[in-house]
Amino acid sequence: MKIVNSLKSLKDRHRDNRLIRRRGRVYVINKTNRRFKARQG
C-alpha cells in the first residue's frame, strides 16, 4: 500500500479504483487489481 499526500492521480491509474473513507482516512482500493491500494496520509 502506498501512502501519499494526494490520491487524485492514483485514482486515475486504473478504471476499477474506488475512493473510500474509513475511520477518518481516505483510501483507494481496487477489487480486481489489488496492487493499486493507496492511503492518504
N, C-alpha and C. Protein backbone atom coordinates (compact mmCIF):
# COMPACT_ATOMS: atom_id res chain seq x y z
N MET A 1 0.84 -1.19 0.00
CA MET A 1 0.00 0.00 0.00
C MET A 1 0.88 1.24 0.00
N LYS A 2 0.58 2.16 -0.91
CA LYS A 2 1.30 3.42 -0.94
C LYS A 2 0.63 4.41 -0.01
N ILE A 3 1.42 5.25 0.62
CA ILE A 3 0.90 6.32 1.46
C ILE A 3 1.33 7.63 0.81
N VAL A 4 0.36 8.41 0.37
CA VAL A 4 0.65 9.61 -0.42
C VAL A 4 -0.13 10.80 0.12
N ASN A 5 0.27 12.00 -0.32
CA ASN A 5 -0.43 13.20 0.10
C ASN A 5 -1.71 13.42 -0.68
N SER A 6 -1.70 13.05 -1.96
CA SER A 6 -2.86 13.29 -2.81
C SER A 6 -3.20 12.01 -3.57
N LEU A 7 -4.48 11.62 -3.50
CA LEU A 7 -4.91 10.39 -4.16
C LEU A 7 -5.47 10.64 -5.55
N LYS A 8 -5.54 11.88 -5.97
CA LYS A 8 -6.22 12.18 -7.23
C LYS A 8 -5.55 11.50 -8.42
N SER A 9 -4.23 11.53 -8.47
CA SER A 9 -3.53 10.90 -9.60
C SER A 9 -3.59 9.38 -9.51
N LEU A 10 -3.57 8.83 -8.29
CA LEU A 10 -3.60 7.38 -8.15
C LEU A 10 -4.96 6.80 -8.49
N LYS A 11 -6.01 7.60 -8.30
CA LYS A 11 -7.36 7.12 -8.62
C LYS A 11 -7.51 6.87 -10.12
N ASP A 12 -6.77 7.62 -10.94
CA ASP A 12 -6.91 7.51 -12.39
C ASP A 12 -6.00 6.45 -13.01
N ARG A 13 -5.27 5.71 -12.19
CA ARG A 13 -4.34 4.73 -12.75
C ARG A 13 -5.05 3.50 -13.30
N HIS A 14 -6.26 3.20 -12.79
CA HIS A 14 -6.98 2.00 -13.22
C HIS A 14 -8.46 2.32 -13.17
N ARG A 15 -9.24 1.73 -14.06
CA ARG A 15 -10.65 2.13 -14.13
C ARG A 15 -11.48 1.58 -12.99
N ASP A 16 -10.97 0.56 -12.26
CA ASP A 16 -11.74 -0.02 -11.15
C ASP A 16 -11.40 0.59 -9.80
N ASN A 17 -10.53 1.59 -9.77
CA ASN A 17 -10.16 2.21 -8.48
C ASN A 17 -11.34 2.93 -7.86
N ARG A 18 -11.48 2.79 -6.55
CA ARG A 18 -12.56 3.45 -5.82
C ARG A 18 -11.97 4.25 -4.67
N LEU A 19 -12.52 5.44 -4.43
CA LEU A 19 -12.15 6.25 -3.27
C LEU A 19 -13.07 5.90 -2.12
N ILE A 20 -12.51 5.47 -0.99
CA ILE A 20 -13.29 5.03 0.17
C ILE A 20 -12.82 5.80 1.39
N ARG A 21 -13.75 6.23 2.23
CA ARG A 21 -13.39 6.85 3.51
C ARG A 21 -13.67 5.87 4.63
N ARG A 22 -12.63 5.54 5.41
CA ARG A 22 -12.76 4.63 6.54
C ARG A 22 -12.00 5.20 7.73
N ARG A 23 -12.71 5.31 8.88
CA ARG A 23 -12.08 5.75 10.13
C ARG A 23 -11.30 7.05 9.96
N GLY A 24 -11.85 7.99 9.19
CA GLY A 24 -11.21 9.28 9.02
C GLY A 24 -10.06 9.31 8.05
N ARG A 25 -9.75 8.19 7.41
CA ARG A 25 -8.69 8.16 6.41
C ARG A 25 -9.31 7.90 5.05
N VAL A 26 -8.63 8.33 4.01
CA VAL A 26 -9.11 8.15 2.64
C VAL A 26 -8.25 7.10 1.97
N TYR A 27 -8.90 6.13 1.33
CA TYR A 27 -8.20 5.03 0.68
C TYR A 27 -8.59 4.93 -0.78
N VAL A 28 -7.67 4.42 -1.60
CA VAL A 28 -8.00 3.95 -2.94
C VAL A 28 -7.91 2.44 -2.87
N ILE A 29 -9.01 1.75 -3.22
CA ILE A 29 -8.97 0.30 -3.26
C ILE A 29 -9.43 -0.17 -4.63
N ASN A 30 -9.02 -1.37 -4.98
CA ASN A 30 -9.32 -1.94 -6.28
C ASN A 30 -9.58 -3.42 -6.10
N LYS A 31 -10.80 -3.86 -6.37
CA LYS A 31 -11.16 -5.26 -6.14
C LYS A 31 -10.52 -6.18 -7.18
N THR A 32 -10.33 -5.70 -8.41
CA THR A 32 -9.85 -6.60 -9.46
C THR A 32 -8.33 -6.64 -9.53
N ASN A 33 -7.66 -5.52 -9.21
CA ASN A 33 -6.19 -5.48 -9.29
C ASN A 33 -5.68 -4.88 -7.99
N ARG A 34 -5.36 -5.73 -7.03
CA ARG A 34 -5.13 -5.29 -5.66
C ARG A 34 -3.83 -4.53 -5.44
N ARG A 35 -2.97 -4.45 -6.45
CA ARG A 35 -1.72 -3.71 -6.24
C ARG A 35 -1.90 -2.21 -6.30
N PHE A 36 -3.11 -1.72 -6.60
CA PHE A 36 -3.34 -0.28 -6.67
C PHE A 36 -3.85 0.31 -5.36
N LYS A 37 -3.65 -0.39 -4.25
CA LYS A 37 -4.11 0.15 -2.96
C LYS A 37 -3.26 1.35 -2.56
N ALA A 38 -3.92 2.35 -1.97
CA ALA A 38 -3.20 3.54 -1.50
C ALA A 38 -3.99 4.15 -0.36
N ARG A 39 -3.23 4.90 0.47
CA ARG A 39 -3.86 5.60 1.60
C ARG A 39 -3.37 7.02 1.62
N GLN A 40 -4.27 7.95 1.96
CA GLN A 40 -3.85 9.35 2.07
C GLN A 40 -3.31 9.57 3.48
N GLY A 41 -2.10 10.15 3.57
CA GLY A 41 -1.50 10.37 4.86
C GLY A 41 -0.69 11.61 4.83
